[in-house]
Amino acid sequence: MTIGLLVWEGWCSPTIGQKLITGILIPAIVLWFWGRWMAPRSPLRWPEGYRFIAEVVLFGSVVMVTVMTGHPRLAVTYGILAALSIALTHGVR
């Protein structure tokens, strides 16, 4: 859902250059980052605390971008789902 929102919000940009950067490049960087340091089977996986901070920053940034592009209800829904995901991932042991 995170990548989908980033792509969709990126393609809402006014110029083709902004669409390419925000709709393709940023989601690609996020996918690379997640696969490299956050994925469960990554040999370079970050420790629990770092992953928690990275998830809060990433998901919070997506919420802010979604609000800034004029979709506050979608941002709230996504934020609730992201917070629930973080709580279940890092809070339940």
PDB file of N, CA and C in Angstrom:
ATOM      1  N   MET A   1       0.825  -1.186   0.000  1.00  0.00           N
ATOM      2  CA  MET A   1       0.000   0.000   0.000  1.00  0.00           C
ATOM      3  C   MET A   1       0.876   1.260   0.000  1.00  0.00           C
ATOM      4  N   THR A   2       1.996   1.214   0.696  1.00  0.00           N
ATOM      5  CA  THR A   2       2.891   2.371   0.767  1.00  0.00           C
ATOM      6  C   THR A   2       3.413   2.746  -0.617  1.00  0.00           C
ATOM      7  N   ILE A   3       3.901   1.770  -1.347  1.00  0.00           N
ATOM      8  CA  ILE A   3       4.446   2.035  -2.681  1.00  0.00           C
ATOM      9  C   ILE A   3       3.340   2.519  -3.605  1.00  0.00           C
ATOM     10  N   GLY A   4       2.178   1.915  -3.524  1.00  0.00           N
ATOM     11  CA  GLY A   4       1.047   2.346  -4.346  1.00  0.00           C
ATOM     12  C   GLY A   4       0.680   3.796  -4.106  1.00  0.00           C
ATOM     13  N   LEU A   5       0.650   4.210  -2.845  1.00  0.00           N
ATOM     14  CA  LEU A   5       0.359   5.622  -2.537  1.00  0.00           C
ATOM     15  C   LEU A   5       1.451   6.542  -3.059  1.00  0.00           C
ATOM     16  N   LEU A   6       2.711   6.129  -2.904  1.00  0.00           N
ATOM     17  CA  LEU A   6       3.807   6.974  -3.407  1.00  0.00           C
ATOM     18  C   LEU A   6       3.724   7.144  -4.921  1.00  0.00           C
ATOM     19  N   VAL A   7       3.457   6.065  -5.629  1.00  0.00           N
ATOM     20  CA  VAL A   7       3.345   6.148  -7.093  1.00  0.00           C
ATOM     21  C   VAL A   7       2.153   7.023  -7.477  1.00  0.00           C
ATOM     22  N   TRP A   8       1.018   6.782  -6.853  1.00  0.00           N
ATOM     23  CA  TRP A   8      -0.193   7.540  -7.186  1.00  0.00           C
ATOM     24  C   TRP A   8      -0.013   9.031  -6.892  1.00  0.00           C
ATOM     25  N   GLU A   9       0.509   9.356  -5.733  1.00  0.00           N
ATOM     26  CA  GLU A   9       0.732  10.759  -5.386  1.00  0.00           C
ATOM     27  C   GLU A   9       1.771  11.382  -6.313  1.00  0.00           C
ATOM     28  N   GLY A  10       2.786  10.614  -6.690  1.00  0.00           N
ATOM     29  CA  GLY A  10       3.798  11.124  -7.608  1.00  0.00           C
ATOM     30  C   GLY A  10       3.233  11.454  -8.977  1.00  0.00           C
ATOM     31  N   TRP A  11       2.329  10.622  -9.466  1.00  0.00           N
ATOM     32  CA  TRP A  11       1.752  10.870 -10.783  1.00  0.00           C
ATOM     33  C   TRP A  11       0.715  11.984 -10.759  1.00  0.00           C
ATOM     34  N   CYS A  12       0.382  12.481  -9.579  1.00  0.00           N
ATOM     35  CA  CYS A  12      -0.498  13.657  -9.474  1.00  0.00           C
ATOM     36  C   CYS A  12       0.293  14.954  -9.627  1.00  0.00           C
ATOM     37  N   SER A  13       1.612  14.859  -9.770  1.00  0.00           N
ATOM     38  CA  SER A  13       2.457  16.039  -9.934  1.00  0.00           C
ATOM     39  C   SER A  13       2.159  16.719 -11.270  1.00  0.00           C
ATOM     40  N   PRO A  14       2.410  18.030 -11.359  1.00  0.00           N
ATOM     41  CA  PRO A  14       2.021  18.781 -12.555  1.00  0.00           C
ATOM     42  C   PRO A  14       2.905  18.560 -13.790  1.00  0.00           C
ATOM     43  N   THR A  15       4.198  18.328 -13.619  1.00  0.00           N
ATOM     44  CA  THR A  15       5.063  18.213 -14.795  1.00  0.00           C
ATOM     45  C   THR A  15       5.570  16.781 -14.954  1.00  0.00           C
ATOM     46  N   ILE A  16       6.005  16.443 -16.148  1.00  0.00           N
ATOM     47  CA  ILE A  16       6.481  15.089 -16.417  1.00  0.00           C
ATOM     48  C   ILE A  16       7.752  14.793 -15.623  1.00  0.00           C
ATOM     49  N   GLY A  17       8.605  15.781 -15.447  1.00  0.00           N
ATOM     50  CA  GLY A  17       9.826  15.587 -14.653  1.00  0.00           C
ATOM     51  C   GLY A  17       9.508  15.254 -13.202  1.00  0.00           C
ATOM     52  N   GLN A  18       8.577  15.988 -12.633  1.00  0.00           N
ATOM     53  CA  GLN A  18       8.162  15.705 -11.259  1.00  0.00           C
ATOM     54  C   GLN A  18       7.475  14.347 -11.167  1.00  0.00           C
ATOM     55  N   LYS A  19       6.700  14.004 -12.170  1.00  0.00           N
ATOM     56  CA  LYS A  19       6.032  12.695 -12.178  1.00  0.00           C
ATOM     57  C   LYS A  19       7.054  11.571 -12.178  1.00  0.00           C
ATOM     58  N   LEU A  20       8.101  11.715 -12.982  1.00  0.00           N
ATOM     59  CA  LEU A  20       9.128  10.675 -13.054  1.00  0.00           C
ATOM     60  C   LEU A  20       9.890  10.554 -11.743  1.00  0.00           C
ATOM     61  N   ILE A  21      10.240  11.698 -11.152  1.00  0.00           N
ATOM     62  CA  ILE A  21      10.999  11.670  -9.904  1.00  0.00           C
ATOM     63  C   ILE A  21      10.144  11.174  -8.750  1.00  0.00           C
ATOM     64  N   THR A  22       8.964  11.762  -8.587  1.00  0.00           N
ATOM     65  CA  THR A  22       8.152  11.409  -7.419  1.00  0.00           C
ATOM     66  C   THR A  22       7.305  10.162  -7.634  1.00  0.00           C
ATOM     67  N   GLY A  23       7.022   9.821  -8.873  1.00  0.00           N
ATOM     68  CA  GLY A  23       6.176   8.668  -9.130  1.00  0.00           C
ATOM     69  C   GLY A  23       6.927   7.381  -9.413  1.00  0.00           C
ATOM     70  N   ILE A  24       8.197   7.490  -9.806  1.00  0.00           N
ATOM     71  CA  ILE A  24       8.970   6.290 -10.120  1.00  0.00           C
ATOM     72  C   ILE A  24      10.244   6.204  -9.279  1.00  0.00           C
ATOM     73  N   LEU A  25      11.040   7.267  -9.260  1.00  0.00           N
ATOM     74  CA  LEU A  25      12.333   7.217  -8.585  1.00  0.00           C
ATOM     75  C   LEU A  25      12.201   7.050  -7.071  1.00  0.00           C
ATOM     76  N   ILE A  26      11.350   7.827  -6.431  1.00  0.00           N
ATOM     77  CA  ILE A  26      11.204   7.729  -4.974  1.00  0.00           C
ATOM     78  C   ILE A  26      10.653   6.362  -4.561  1.00  0.00           C
ATOM     79  N   PRO A  27       9.583   5.850  -5.208  1.00  0.00           N
ATOM     80  CA  PRO A  27       9.148   4.497  -4.838  1.00  0.00           C
ATOM     81  C   PRO A  27      10.225   3.435  -5.070  1.00  0.00           C
ATOM     82  N   ALA A  28      11.012   3.582  -6.134  1.00  0.00           N
ATOM     83  CA  ALA A  28      12.090   2.621  -6.394  1.00  0.00           C
ATOM     84  C   ALA A  28      13.142   2.667  -5.285  1.00  0.00           C
ATOM     85  N   ILE A  29      13.470   3.854  -4.814  1.00  0.00           N
ATOM     86  CA  ILE A  29      14.432   3.995  -3.717  1.00  0.00           C
ATOM     87  C   ILE A  29      13.877   3.366  -2.445  1.00  0.00           C
ATOM     88  N   VAL A  30      12.593   3.591  -2.180  1.00  0.00           N
ATOM     89  CA  VAL A  30      11.965   2.999  -0.994  1.00  0.00           C
ATOM     90  C   VAL A  30      12.004   1.472  -1.082  1.00  0.00           C
ATOM     91  N   LEU A  31      11.690   0.904  -2.236  1.00  0.00           N
ATOM     92  CA  LEU A  31      11.751  -0.553  -2.412  1.00  0.00           C
ATOM     93  C   LEU A  31      13.166  -1.084  -2.192  1.00  0.00           C
ATOM     94  N   TRP A  32      14.146  -0.394  -2.745  1.00  0.00           N
ATOM     95  CA  TRP A  32      15.540  -0.803  -2.579  1.00  0.00           C
ATOM     96  C   TRP A  32      15.940  -0.744  -1.109  1.00  0.00           C
ATOM     97  N   PHE A  33      15.607   0.364  -0.446  1.00  0.00           N
ATOM     98  CA  PHE A  33      15.933   0.537   0.972  1.00  0.00           C
ATOM     99  C   PHE A  33      15.306  -0.578   1.804  1.00  0.00           C
ATOM    100  N   TRP A  34      14.012  -0.828   1.571  1.00  0.00           N
ATOM    101  CA  TRP A  34      13.297  -1.834   2.352  1.00  0.00           C
ATOM    102  C   TRP A  34      13.905  -3.223   2.139  1.00  0.00           C
ATOM    103  N   GLY A  35      14.177  -3.557   0.899  1.00  0.00           N
ATOM    104  CA  GLY A  35      14.753  -4.862   0.604  1.00  0.00           C
ATOM    105  C   GLY A  35      16.151  -5.039   1.164  1.00  0.00           C
ATOM    106  N   ARG A  36      16.884  -3.966   1.221  1.00  0.00           N
ATOM    107  CA  ARG A  36      18.276  -4.027   1.680  1.00  0.00           C
ATOM    108  C   ARG A  36      18.410  -4.085   3.193  1.00  0.00           C
ATOM    109  N   TRP A  37      17.645  -3.252   3.922  1.00  0.00           N
ATOM    110  CA  TRP A  37      17.852  -3.126   5.358  1.00  0.00           C
ATOM    111  C   TRP A  37      16.654  -3.486   6.243  1.00  0.00           C
ATOM    112  N   MET A  38      15.483  -3.676   5.654  1.00  0.00           N
ATOM    113  CA  MET A  38      14.299  -3.903   6.481  1.00  0.00           C
ATOM    114  C   MET A  38      13.694  -5.300   6.303  1.00  0.00           C
ATOM    115  N   ALA A  39      13.923  -5.929   5.181  1.00  0.00           N
ATOM    116  CA  ALA A  39      13.296  -7.215   4.880  1.00  0.00           C
ATOM    117  C   ALA A  39      13.749  -8.299   5.859  1.00  0.00           C
ATOM    118  N   PRO A  40      12.839  -9.198   6.233  1.00  0.00           N
ATOM    119  CA  PRO A  40      13.165 -10.231   7.217  1.00  0.00           C
ATOM    120  C   PRO A  40      14.346 -11.132   6.829  1.00  0.00           C
ATOM    121  N   ARG A  41      14.524 -11.416   5.567  1.00  0.00           N
ATOM    122  CA  ARG A  41      15.623 -12.295   5.155  1.00  0.00           C
ATOM    123  C   ARG A  41      16.866 -11.561   4.664  1.00  0.00           C
ATOM    124  N   SER A  42      16.893 -10.263   4.825  1.00  0.00           N
ATOM    125  CA  SER A  42      18.051  -9.495   4.376  1.00  0.00           C
ATOM    126  C   SER A  42      19.254  -9.782   5.275  1.00  0.00           C
ATOM    127  N   PRO A  43      20.417 -10.055   4.685  1.00  0.00           N
ATOM    128  CA  PRO A  43      21.606 -10.274   5.518  1.00  0.00           C
ATOM    129  C   PRO A  43      22.075  -8.987   6.208  1.00  0.00           C
ATOM    130  N   LEU A  44      21.629  -7.851   5.724  1.00  0.00           N
ATOM    131  CA  LEU A  44      22.009  -6.568   6.319  1.00  0.00           C
ATOM    132  C   LEU A  44      20.880  -5.962   7.143  1.00  0.00           C
ATOM    133  N   ARG A  45      19.936  -6.772   7.572  1.00  0.00           N
ATOM    134  CA  ARG A  45      18.751  -6.275   8.294  1.00  0.00           C
ATOM    135  C   ARG A  45      19.164  -5.505   9.534  1.00  0.00           C
ATOM    136  N   TRP A  46      18.528  -4.339   9.681  1.00  0.00           N
ATOM    137  CA  TRP A  46      18.807  -3.492  10.832  1.00  0.00           C
ATOM    138  C   TRP A  46      18.236  -4.090  12.109  1.00  0.00           C
ATOM    139  N   PRO A  47      18.802  -3.701  13.259  1.00  0.00           N
ATOM    140  CA  PRO A  47      18.235  -4.143  14.538  1.00  0.00           C
ATOM    141  C   PRO A  47      16.830  -3.561  14.743  1.00  0.00           C
ATOM    142  N   GLU A  48      16.111  -4.146  15.680  1.00  0.00           N
ATOM    143  CA  GLU A  48      14.715  -3.797  15.951  1.00  0.00           C
ATOM    144  C   GLU A  48      14.487  -2.292  16.119  1.00  0.00           C
ATOM    145  N   GLY A  49      15.272  -1.632  16.924  1.00  0.00           N
ATOM    146  CA  GLY A  49      15.077  -0.200  17.187  1.00  0.00           C
ATOM    147  C   GLY A  49      15.219   0.660  15.946  1.00  0.00           C
ATOM    148  N   TYR A  50      16.212   0.362  15.138  1.00  0.00           N
ATOM    149  CA  TYR A  50      16.414   1.128  13.905  1.00  0.00           C
ATOM    150  C   TYR A  50      15.269   0.903  12.920  1.00  0.00           C
ATOM    151  N   ARG A  51      14.810  -0.350  12.829  1.00  0.00           N
ATOM    152  CA  ARG A  51      13.690  -0.642  11.934  1.00  0.00           C
ATOM    153  C   ARG A  51      12.431   0.081  12.382  1.00  0.00           C
ATOM    154  N   PHE A  52      12.204   0.140  13.692  1.00  0.00           N
ATOM    155  CA  PHE A  52      11.036   0.847  14.223  1.00  0.00           C
ATOM    156  C   PHE A  52      11.072   2.319  13.814  1.00  0.00           C
ATOM    157  N   ILE A  53      12.210   2.958  14.022  1.00  0.00           N
ATOM    158  CA  ILE A  53      12.361   4.382  13.664  1.00  0.00           C
ATOM    159  C   ILE A  53      12.184   4.573  12.157  1.00  0.00           C
ATOM    160  N   ALA A  54      12.794   3.704  11.361  1.00  0.00           N
ATOM    161  CA  ALA A  54      12.675   3.821   9.903  1.00  0.00           C
ATOM    162  C   ALA A  54      11.227   3.668   9.449  1.00  0.00           C
ATOM    163  N   GLU A  55      10.491   2.741  10.053  1.00  0.00           N
ATOM    164  CA  GLU A  55       9.089   2.558   9.681  1.00  0.00           C
ATOM    165  C   GLU A  55       8.246   3.770  10.056  1.00  0.00           C
ATOM    166  N   VAL A  56       8.471   4.320  11.239  1.00  0.00           N
ATOM    167  CA  VAL A  56       7.716   5.509  11.657  1.00  0.00           C
ATOM    168  C   VAL A  56       8.004   6.674  10.709  1.00  0.00           C
ATOM    169  N   VAL A  57       9.263   6.866  10.355  1.00  0.00           N
ATOM    170  CA  VAL A  57       9.626   7.966   9.447  1.00  0.00           C
ATOM    171  C   VAL A  57       9.033   7.728   8.053  1.00  0.00           C
ATOM    172  N   LEU A  58       9.179   6.531   7.530  1.00  0.00           N
ATOM    173  CA  LEU A  58       8.672   6.235   6.188  1.00  0.00           C
ATOM    174  C   LEU A  58       7.159   6.360   6.127  1.00  0.00           C
ATOM    175  N   PHE A  59       6.456   5.662   7.013  1.00  0.00           N
ATOM    176  CA  PHE A  59       4.991   5.686   6.979  1.00  0.00           C
ATOM    177  C   PHE A  59       4.456   7.073   7.316  1.00  0.00           C
ATOM    178  N   GLY A  60       5.098   7.758   8.254  1.00  0.00           N
ATOM    179  CA  GLY A  60       4.676   9.123   8.581  1.00  0.00           C
ATOM    180  C   GLY A  60       4.869  10.075   7.419  1.00  0.00           C
ATOM    181  N   SER A  61       5.959   9.895   6.674  1.00  0.00           N
ATOM    182  CA  SER A  61       6.195  10.735   5.499  1.00  0.00           C
ATOM    183  C   SER A  61       5.128  10.509   4.434  1.00  0.00           C
ATOM    184  N   VAL A  62       4.731   9.265   4.248  1.00  0.00           N
ATOM    185  CA  VAL A  62       3.685   8.972   3.270  1.00  0.00           C
ATOM    186  C   VAL A  62       2.363   9.601   3.711  1.00  0.00           C
ATOM    187  N   VAL A  63       2.072   9.554   5.003  1.00  0.00           N
ATOM    188  CA  VAL A  63       0.860  10.213   5.513  1.00  0.00           C
ATOM    189  C   VAL A  63       0.913  11.709   5.216  1.00  0.00           C
ATOM    190  N   MET A  64       2.049  12.345   5.494  1.00  0.00           N
ATOM    191  CA  MET A  64       2.174  13.791   5.270  1.00  0.00           C
ATOM    192  C   MET A  64       2.041  14.136   3.783  1.00  0.00           C
ATOM    193  N   VAL A  65       2.664  13.359   2.911  1.00  0.00           N
ATOM    194  CA  VAL A  65       2.567  13.615   1.472  1.00  0.00           C
ATOM    195  C   VAL A  65       1.122  13.463   1.009  1.00  0.00           C
ATOM    196  N   THR A  66       0.435  12.465   1.529  1.00  0.00           N
ATOM    197  CA  THR A  66      -0.955  12.235   1.138  1.00  0.00           C
ATOM    198  C   THR A  66      -1.844  13.393   1.590  1.00  0.00           C
ATOM    199  N   VAL A  67      -1.602  13.922   2.772  1.00  0.00           N
ATOM    200  CA  VAL A  67      -2.359  15.094   3.247  1.00  0.00           C
ATOM    201  C   VAL A  67      -2.040  16.304   2.374  1.00  0.00           C
ATOM    202  N   MET A  68      -0.766  16.523   2.080  1.00  0.00           N
ATOM    203  CA  MET A  68      -0.345  17.698   1.318  1.00  0.00           C
ATOM    204  C   MET A  68      -0.883  17.693  -0.116  1.00  0.00           C
ATOM    205  N   THR A  69      -1.177  16.524  -0.648  1.00  0.00           N
ATOM    206  CA  THR A  69      -1.716  16.464  -2.004  1.00  0.00           C
ATOM    207  C   THR A  69      -3.239  16.484  -2.019  1.00  0.00           C
ATOM    208  N   GLY A  70      -3.825  16.719  -0.860  1.00  0.00           N
ATOM    209  CA  GLY A  70      -5.267  16.938  -0.807  1.00  0.00           C
ATOM    210  C   GLY A  70      -6.129  15.713  -0.571  1.00  0.00           C
ATOM    211  N   HIS A  71      -5.600  14.725   0.114  1.00  0.00           N
ATOM    212  CA  HIS A  71      -6.365  13.513   0.393  1.00  0.00           C
ATOM    213  C   HIS A  71      -6.316  13.194   1.887  1.00  0.00           C
ATOM    214  N   PRO A  72      -6.913  14.059   2.727  1.00  0.00           N
ATOM    215  CA  PRO A  72      -6.783  13.865   4.172  1.00  0.00           C
ATOM    216  C   PRO A  72      -7.452  12.588   4.695  1.00  0.00           C
ATOM    217  N   ARG A  73      -8.596  12.220   4.145  1.00  0.00           N
ATOM    218  CA  ARG A  73      -9.266  10.994   4.623  1.00  0.00           C
ATOM    219  C   ARG A  73      -8.438   9.751   4.312  1.00  0.00           C
ATOM    220  N   LEU A  74      -7.882   9.716   3.121  1.00  0.00           N
ATOM    221  CA  LEU A  74      -7.013   8.609   2.745  1.00  0.00           C
ATOM    222  C   LEU A  74      -5.784   8.574   3.650  1.00  0.00           C
ATOM    223  N   ALA A  75      -5.235   9.750   3.965  1.00  0.00           N
ATOM    224  CA  ALA A  75      -4.063   9.829   4.838  1.00  0.00           C
ATOM    225  C   ALA A  75      -4.382   9.292   6.229  1.00  0.00           C
ATOM    226  N   VAL A  76      -5.539   9.646   6.763  1.00  0.00           N
ATOM    227  CA  VAL A  76      -5.925   9.162   8.098  1.00  0.00           C
ATOM    228  C   VAL A  76      -6.098   7.649   8.080  1.00  0.00           C
ATOM    229  N   THR A  77      -6.767   7.137   7.061  1.00  0.00           N
ATOM    230  CA  THR A  77      -6.964   5.694   6.945  1.00  0.00           C
ATOM    231  C   THR A  77      -5.631   4.968   6.845  1.00  0.00           C
ATOM    232  N   TYR A  78      -4.756   5.466   5.981  1.00  0.00           N
ATOM    233  CA  TYR A  78      -3.436   4.863   5.830  1.00  0.00           C
ATOM    234  C   TYR A  78      -2.652   4.966   7.136  1.00  0.00           C
ATOM    235  N   GLY A  79      -2.707   6.120   7.799  1.00  0.00           N
ATOM    236  CA  GLY A  79      -1.988   6.304   9.055  1.00  0.00           C
ATOM    237  C   GLY A  79      -2.433   5.327  10.127  1.00  0.00           C
ATOM    238  N   ILE A  80      -3.730   5.090  10.217  1.00  0.00           N
ATOM    239  CA  ILE A  80      -4.244   4.120  11.196  1.00  0.00           C
ATOM    240  C   ILE A  80      -3.739   2.714  10.874  1.00  0.00           C
ATOM    241  N   LEU A  81      -3.805   2.344   9.605  1.00  0.00           N
ATOM    242  CA  LEU A  81      -3.324   1.019   9.204  1.00  0.00           C
ATOM    243  C   LEU A  81      -1.810   0.878   9.416  1.00  0.00           C
ATOM    244  N   ALA A  82      -1.064   1.928   9.125  1.00  0.00           N
ATOM    245  CA  ALA A  82       0.383   1.891   9.322  1.00  0.00           C
ATOM    246  C   ALA A  82       0.724   1.790  10.809  1.00  0.00           C
ATOM    247  N   ALA A  83       0.019   2.558  11.645  1.00  0.00           N
ATOM    248  CA  ALA A  83       0.263   2.496  13.089  1.00  0.00           C
ATOM    249  C   ALA A  83      -0.071   1.108  13.633  1.00  0.00           C
ATOM    250  N   LEU A  84      -1.144   0.521  13.152  1.00  0.00           N
ATOM    251  CA  LEU A  84      -1.508  -0.827  13.571  1.00  0.00           C
ATOM    252  C   LEU A  84      -0.438  -1.833  13.140  1.00  0.00           C
ATOM    253  N   SER A  85       0.053  -1.687  11.929  1.00  0.00           N
ATOM    254  CA  SER A  85       1.105  -2.568  11.436  1.00  0.00           C
ATOM    255  C   SER A  85       2.375  -2.450  12.283  1.00  0.00           C
ATOM    256  N   ILE A  86       2.771  -1.218  12.595  1.00  0.00           N
ATOM    257  CA  ILE A  86       3.959  -1.002  13.425  1.00  0.00           C
ATOM    258  C   ILE A  86       3.759  -1.597  14.816  1.00  0.00           C
ATOM    259  N   ALA A  87       2.578  -1.376  15.386  1.00  0.00           N
ATOM    260  CA  ALA A  87       2.300  -1.904  16.729  1.00  0.00           C
ATOM    261  C   ALA A  87       2.344  -3.425  16.740  1.00  0.00           C
ATOM    262  N   LEU A  88       1.753  -4.041  15.728  1.00  0.00           N
ATOM    263  CA  LEU A  88       1.758  -5.501  15.682  1.00  0.00           C
ATOM    264  C   LEU A  88       3.149  -6.063  15.386  1.00  0.00           C
ATOM    265  N   THR A  89       3.904  -5.358  14.564  1.00  0.00           N
ATOM    266  CA  THR A  89       5.241  -5.834  14.214  1.00  0.00           C
ATOM    267  C   THR A  89       6.230  -5.678  15.371  1.00  0.00           C
ATOM    268  N   HIS A  90       6.178  -4.565  16.060  1.00  0.00           N
ATOM    269  CA  HIS A  90       7.191  -4.281  17.075  1.00  0.00           C
ATOM    270  C   HIS A  90       6.682  -4.402  18.511  1.00  0.00           C
ATOM    271  N   GLY A  91       5.370  -4.418  18.687  1.00  0.00           N
ATOM    272  CA  GLY A  91       4.846  -4.426  20.042  1.00  0.00           C
ATOM    273  C   GLY A  91       4.452  -5.784  20.574  1.00  0.00           C
ATOM    274  N   VAL A  92       4.170  -6.708  19.679  1.00  0.00           N
ATOM    275  CA  VAL A  92       3.704  -8.022  20.117  1.00  0.00           C
ATOM    276  C   VAL A  92       4.850  -9.010  20.005  1.00  0.00           C
ATOM    277  N   ARG A  93       5.185  -9.638  21.091  1.00  0.00           N
ATOM    278  CA  ARG A  93       6.266 -10.647  21.104  1.00  0.00           C
ATOM    279  C   ARG A  93       5.804 -11.873  21.827  1.00  0.00           C
TER     280      ARG A  93
END
